[in-house]
Protein backbone atom coordinates (compact mmCIF):
# COMPACT_ATOMS: atom_id res chain seq x y z
CA UNK A 1 13.88 80.06 -22.07
CA UNK A 2 17.13 79.19 -20.03
CA UNK A 3 16.43 82.07 -17.90
CA UNK A 4 12.82 80.32 -17.16
CA UNK A 5 14.14 77.25 -16.36
CA UNK A 6 16.96 78.91 -14.14
CA UNK A 7 14.79 80.12 -12.43
CA UNK A 8 12.40 77.08 -12.41
CA UNK A 9 15.27 75.70 -10.30
CA UNK A 10 14.21 77.88 -7.19
CA UNK A 11 11.59 76.38 -7.12
CA UNK A 12 12.79 72.95 -8.07
CA UNK A 13 14.95 73.03 -4.80
CA UNK A 14 11.69 74.11 -2.81
CA UNK A 15 9.39 71.23 -4.89
CA UNK A 16 12.33 68.82 -3.57
CA UNK A 17 12.36 70.00 0.01
CA UNK A 18 8.53 69.56 0.31
CA UNK A 19 8.65 66.20 -1.40
CA UNK A 20 10.87 64.73 0.34
CA UNK A 21 9.15 65.89 3.94
CA UNK A 22 5.89 63.98 2.13
CA UNK A 23 8.36 60.60 1.82
CA UNK A 24 9.73 61.32 5.08
CA UNK A 25 6.35 61.49 6.59
CA UNK A 26 5.20 58.15 4.79
CA UNK A 27 8.12 56.44 5.11
CA UNK A 28 8.56 56.69 9.00
CA UNK A 29 5.18 57.26 10.50
CA UNK A 30 3.46 55.73 7.86
CA UNK A 31 1.04 58.46 7.09
CA UNK A 32 0.73 60.42 3.19
CA UNK A 33 0.37 64.02 5.23
CA UNK A 34 -1.43 66.24 3.10
CA UNK A 35 -1.25 69.44 6.07
CA UNK A 36 2.21 69.49 6.03
CA UNK A 37 2.38 72.71 3.89
CA UNK A 38 -0.29 74.24 5.45
CA UNK A 39 1.81 73.56 8.49
CA UNK A 40 4.50 75.91 7.20
CA UNK A 41 2.44 78.14 5.92
CA UNK A 42 0.81 78.92 9.63
CA UNK A 43 4.14 78.89 10.63
CA UNK A 44 5.27 81.18 8.40
CA UNK A 45 2.73 84.00 8.24
CA UNK A 46 3.48 83.89 12.36
CA UNK A 47 6.79 84.63 11.69
CA UNK A 48 5.52 87.56 8.99
CA UNK A 49 3.10 88.80 11.43
CA UNK A 50 5.51 89.08 13.68
CA UNK A 51 7.80 90.95 11.76
CA UNK A 52 5.19 93.59 10.65
CA UNK A 53 4.78 94.19 14.58
CA UNK A 54 8.65 95.06 14.90
CA UNK A 55 10.33 92.22 15.20
CA UNK A 56 13.51 91.37 13.16
CA UNK A 57 13.51 88.42 11.00
CA UNK A 58 15.79 86.34 12.72
CA UNK A 59 14.11 86.57 15.91
CA UNK A 60 10.28 86.08 14.04
CA UNK A 61 11.56 82.94 12.21
CA UNK A 62 12.25 80.53 15.19
CA UNK A 63 9.14 81.41 16.41
CA UNK A 64 7.42 80.84 13.17
CA UNK A 65 9.23 77.66 12.95
CA UNK A 66 8.09 76.60 16.49
CA UNK A 67 4.52 77.30 15.47
CA UNK A 68 4.71 75.22 12.33
CA UNK A 69 6.31 71.97 14.23
CA UNK A 70 3.89 72.49 17.23
CA UNK A 71 0.88 72.68 14.68
CA UNK A 72 1.80 69.59 13.05
CA UNK A 73 2.91 67.65 16.37
CA UNK A 74 -0.74 68.52 17.42
CA UNK A 75 -2.20 66.45 14.49
CA UNK A 76 0.67 63.88 14.79
CA UNK A 77 -0.17 63.36 18.56
CA UNK A 78 -3.76 62.55 17.14
CA UNK A 79 -2.87 60.46 14.83
CA UNK A 80 -1.10 58.65 17.18
CA UNK A 81 -3.45 58.51 20.43
CA UNK A 82 -6.91 57.98 18.00
CA UNK A 83 -5.53 56.69 14.67
CA UNK A 84 -2.62 54.76 15.39
CA UNK A 85 -4.39 51.36 14.32
CA UNK A 86 -6.19 52.61 11.46
CA UNK A 87 -5.20 51.67 7.92
CA UNK A 88 -3.11 54.46 6.03
CA UNK A 89 -6.29 55.60 3.66
CA UNK A 90 -8.04 56.34 7.42
CA UNK A 91 -5.05 58.36 8.18
CA UNK A 92 -5.00 60.50 5.08
CA UNK A 93 -8.22 60.77 5.17
CA UNK A 94 -7.77 62.57 8.41
CA UNK A 95 -4.83 64.48 7.27
CA UNK A 96 -7.27 66.07 4.61
CA UNK A 97 -10.16 67.01 6.93
CA UNK A 98 -7.53 68.91 8.66
CA UNK A 99 -5.77 70.32 5.80
CA UNK A 100 -9.36 71.72 4.68
CA UNK A 101 -9.69 72.99 8.54
CA UNK A 102 -6.59 75.03 8.20
CA UNK A 103 -6.81 76.31 5.31
CA UNK A 104 -10.21 78.16 6.33
CA UNK A 105 -8.93 78.90 9.72
CA UNK A 106 -5.67 80.38 7.87
CA UNK A 107 -8.01 82.24 5.50
CA UNK A 108 -9.46 83.74 8.09
CA UNK A 109 -6.38 84.71 10.33
CA UNK A 110 -4.27 85.55 7.19
CA UNK A 111 -6.41 86.73 4.38
CA UNK A 112 -6.84 85.93 0.75
CA UNK A 113 -5.14 86.92 -2.30
CA UNK A 114 -6.87 90.22 -2.07
CA UNK A 115 -6.41 91.44 1.46
CA UNK A 116 -3.99 89.28 2.60
CA UNK A 117 -0.69 89.28 0.63
CA UNK A 118 2.29 89.90 3.05
CA UNK A 119 5.93 90.43 1.53
CA UNK A 120 7.85 88.01 2.76
CA UNK A 121 11.77 89.19 3.32
CA UNK A 122 13.74 87.40 0.07
CA UNK A 123 17.27 87.91 1.50
CA UNK A 124 18.88 85.25 -1.49
CA UNK A 125 17.79 87.66 -4.02
CA UNK A 126 21.19 88.84 -4.90
CA UNK A 127 23.41 87.00 -7.54
CA UNK A 128 25.38 84.12 -6.59
CA UNK A 129 27.14 83.82 -10.25
CA UNK A 130 26.38 83.69 -14.40
CA UNK A 131 26.60 81.54 -16.50
CA UNK A 132 26.88 83.40 -19.94
CA UNK A 133 23.73 85.91 -19.98
CA UNK A 134 22.03 83.88 -17.31
CA UNK A 135 22.01 85.11 -13.64
CA UNK A 136 22.00 82.29 -11.29
CA UNK A 137 20.37 84.03 -7.90
CA UNK A 138 21.62 83.24 -4.35
CA UNK A 139 18.13 80.99 -4.03
CA UNK A 140 19.09 78.70 -6.42
CA UNK A 141 21.96 77.45 -4.51
CA UNK A 142 20.30 77.86 -0.97
CA UNK A 143 17.46 75.35 -1.41
CA UNK A 144 19.15 73.17 -3.86
CA UNK A 145 22.23 72.51 -0.98
CA UNK A 146 18.86 71.91 1.57
CA UNK A 147 17.77 69.75 -0.31
CA UNK A 148 20.74 67.77 -1.11
CA UNK A 149 22.00 68.09 2.65
CA UNK A 150 18.31 66.40 3.77
CA UNK A 151 19.00 63.98 1.43
CA UNK A 152 22.12 62.55 2.31
CA UNK A 153 21.50 63.64 6.16
CA UNK A 154 18.65 61.76 6.46
CA UNK A 155 19.67 58.68 4.30
CA UNK A 156 22.88 58.54 6.64
CA UNK A 157 20.55 59.11 9.45
CA UNK A 158 18.43 55.94 8.91
CA UNK A 159 21.13 53.31 7.57
CA UNK A 160 24.18 54.50 9.87
CA UNK A 161 22.36 55.40 13.54
CA UNK A 162 20.64 53.74 16.31
CA UNK A 163 17.64 56.07 16.04
CA UNK A 164 17.20 55.59 12.29
CA UNK A 165 17.04 51.84 12.78
CA UNK A 166 14.29 52.71 14.96
CA UNK A 167 12.84 55.00 13.06
CA UNK A 168 12.10 52.05 10.42
CA UNK A 169 11.03 50.04 12.80
CA UNK A 170 8.65 52.21 14.05
CA UNK A 171 7.71 52.82 10.35
CA UNK A 172 7.30 49.14 9.43
CA UNK A 173 6.25 47.39 12.78
CA UNK A 174 4.70 49.97 14.82
CA UNK A 175 3.13 47.66 17.72
CA UNK A 176 6.08 45.21 17.80
CA UNK A 177 8.57 48.24 18.11
CA UNK A 178 7.09 49.49 21.40
CA UNK A 179 6.34 45.74 22.57
CA UNK A 180 10.59 45.92 22.71
CA UNK A 181 11.09 49.01 24.29
CA UNK A 182 11.40 51.13 21.51
CA UNK A 183 9.43 54.45 22.85
CA UNK A 184 6.74 54.91 19.38
CA UNK A 185 4.76 57.74 20.52
CA UNK A 186 7.75 59.91 21.19
CA UNK A 187 9.91 59.29 18.07
CA UNK A 188 6.36 59.65 15.82
CA UNK A 189 5.73 62.85 17.21
CA UNK A 190 9.34 63.93 17.20
CA UNK A 191 8.60 63.04 12.90
CA UNK A 192 6.15 65.10 13.11
CA UNK A 193 7.83 68.29 14.81
CA UNK A 194 10.67 67.79 12.77
CA UNK A 195 8.37 67.80 9.54
CA UNK A 196 6.69 70.79 10.94
CA UNK A 197 9.71 72.98 11.61
CA UNK A 198 11.56 71.76 8.01
CA UNK A 199 7.77 72.63 6.11
CA UNK A 200 7.82 76.24 7.76
CA UNK A 201 11.57 76.92 6.80
CA UNK A 202 10.69 75.92 2.88
CA UNK A 203 7.70 77.93 2.84
CA UNK A 204 9.03 80.87 3.75
CA UNK A 205 12.19 80.22 1.44
CA UNK A 206 9.86 80.00 -1.97
CA UNK A 207 6.95 82.39 -0.19
CA UNK A 208 8.81 85.80 -1.88
CA UNK A 209 8.80 83.97 -5.46
CA UNK A 210 5.00 83.13 -4.99
CA UNK A 211 3.56 86.59 -3.69
CA UNK A 212 2.99 85.70 0.09
CA UNK A 213 -0.79 84.48 -0.36
CA UNK A 214 -1.82 81.60 2.17
CA UNK A 215 -3.57 80.10 0.63
CA UNK A 216 -1.38 79.84 -3.27
CA UNK A 217 1.37 78.26 -0.34
CA UNK A 218 -1.47 75.70 1.46
CA UNK A 219 -2.26 74.54 -1.86
CA UNK A 220 2.03 73.68 -3.12
CA UNK A 221 1.05 69.81 -0.93
CA UNK A 222 -0.15 69.10 -4.51
CA UNK A 223 2.74 69.60 -6.39
CA UNK A 224 4.95 68.13 -2.97
CA UNK A 225 2.87 64.92 -3.92
CA UNK A 226 3.64 64.80 -7.27
CA UNK A 227 7.62 65.10 -6.30
CA UNK A 228 6.81 62.54 -3.86
CA UNK A 229 5.38 60.19 -6.52
CA UNK A 230 8.24 60.52 -8.66
CA UNK A 231 10.35 58.63 -5.46
CA UNK A 232 7.38 56.25 -5.59
CA UNK A 233 6.94 57.58 -1.72
CA UNK A 234 10.42 55.57 -0.35
CA UNK A 235 13.38 56.46 -2.56
CA UNK A 236 14.22 59.92 -1.57
CA UNK A 237 17.62 60.62 -4.71
CA UNK A 238 14.60 60.24 -6.58
CA UNK A 239 12.39 62.53 -4.92
CA UNK A 240 15.37 65.32 -4.91
CA UNK A 241 16.02 64.95 -8.82
CA UNK A 242 12.09 64.95 -9.57
CA UNK A 243 11.45 68.27 -7.24
CA UNK A 244 14.24 70.06 -9.59
CA UNK A 245 12.73 68.38 -13.10
CA UNK A 246 9.58 69.81 -12.09
CA UNK A 247 11.07 73.39 -11.26
CA UNK A 248 12.53 73.32 -14.58
CA UNK A 249 9.60 71.74 -16.10
CA UNK A 250 7.60 74.52 -15.16
CA UNK A 251 9.31 77.42 -15.53
CA UNK A 252 10.06 76.16 -19.25
CA UNK A 253 6.10 76.14 -18.92
CA UNK A 254 5.92 79.82 -18.00
CA UNK A 255 7.83 80.84 -20.94
CA UNK A 256 5.89 79.79 -23.54
CA UNK A 257 3.12 82.76 -23.54
CA UNK A 258 0.89 80.08 -25.00
CA UNK A 259 0.85 77.69 -21.99
CA UNK A 260 2.21 80.65 -19.60
CA UNK A 261 -1.49 80.63 -17.68
CA UNK A 262 -1.53 76.70 -17.11
CA UNK A 263 1.91 76.20 -15.63
CA UNK A 264 0.08 74.90 -12.34
CA UNK A 265 -1.38 72.68 -14.15
CA UNK A 266 2.10 70.67 -14.53
CA UNK A 267 2.13 68.80 -11.16
CA UNK A 268 -1.54 67.32 -11.90
CA UNK A 269 -0.31 66.12 -15.46
CA UNK A 270 2.70 64.68 -14.02
CA UNK A 271 0.57 62.61 -11.27
CA UNK A 272 -1.81 61.70 -14.21
CA UNK A 273 1.20 60.09 -16.13
CA UNK A 274 2.74 58.36 -12.93
CA UNK A 275 -0.26 56.72 -12.10
CA UNK A 276 -1.78 55.74 -15.76
CA UNK A 277 2.28 54.31 -16.35
CA UNK A 278 2.64 52.70 -13.10
CA UNK A 279 -1.12 50.71 -13.64
CA UNK A 280 0.70 49.54 -17.13
CA UNK A 281 3.22 48.33 -15.32
CA UNK A 282 1.25 46.04 -12.90
CA UNK A 283 -1.50 45.12 -15.40
CA UNK A 284 1.93 43.89 -17.79
CA UNK A 285 3.78 42.07 -14.87
CA UNK A 286 0.49 40.59 -14.00
CA UNK A 287 0.05 39.27 -17.40
CA UNK A 288 3.34 38.35 -17.83
CA UNK A 289 3.23 35.52 -14.42
CA UNK A 290 0.23 33.94 -16.39
């Protein structure tokens, strides 16, 4: 089981990264973004398609990241232009509709799990070190390091820099921020561009482990939302820890033959438990206040 838990850390780092992207989008532009993994999957498949055509990976990767960023920016521009005055539920519903459209178009362009699985490069499969009999691959260190870097970097950006203060003002009072001279639309679209590019890099990192199927990669948003819920859509450190725990839990579940086929249900169980626990806490707080 220890080997499975360590293997789960690779996915855990990726889940943490995806959860962090969900939290950042919510905190900075007040949108629960259901399209994030799908946009990243589009960018990743653009990259691997270019590689199949003969382009080297180091040239194809920036193009793929740019494609994911452009698709995310297109959605962000639509939300800024047409839905900036709507509430969070309406914006989330828009991203759900766009997510369904991206998945449908992506399956047309890149194929299903039986006809369109691509072989993604896996440069981090080599072992990094060994603990006892457990071999820790480089992918674990890369995914965890990337997740920690984003957590620390974004926390410092938001608390220590002028652009961070502007981004927080944008998320909390977008209309007021624009009145006082903060370029709210440009900042918001910049956030969408960054999220699209990061999502593409994350999907490229996890794709070799999940088989390179577009639908599977796009559906990682369910795990990302479960991880974001652990951090209550606010806390970056809790989201980071939640992603790592989710990966370890999934790895442990996959090592038990009786429940291996149900390992994909883990994110939904986490969401249900969190929703139940938080609703229970709200009822208790209400009763206690009376």
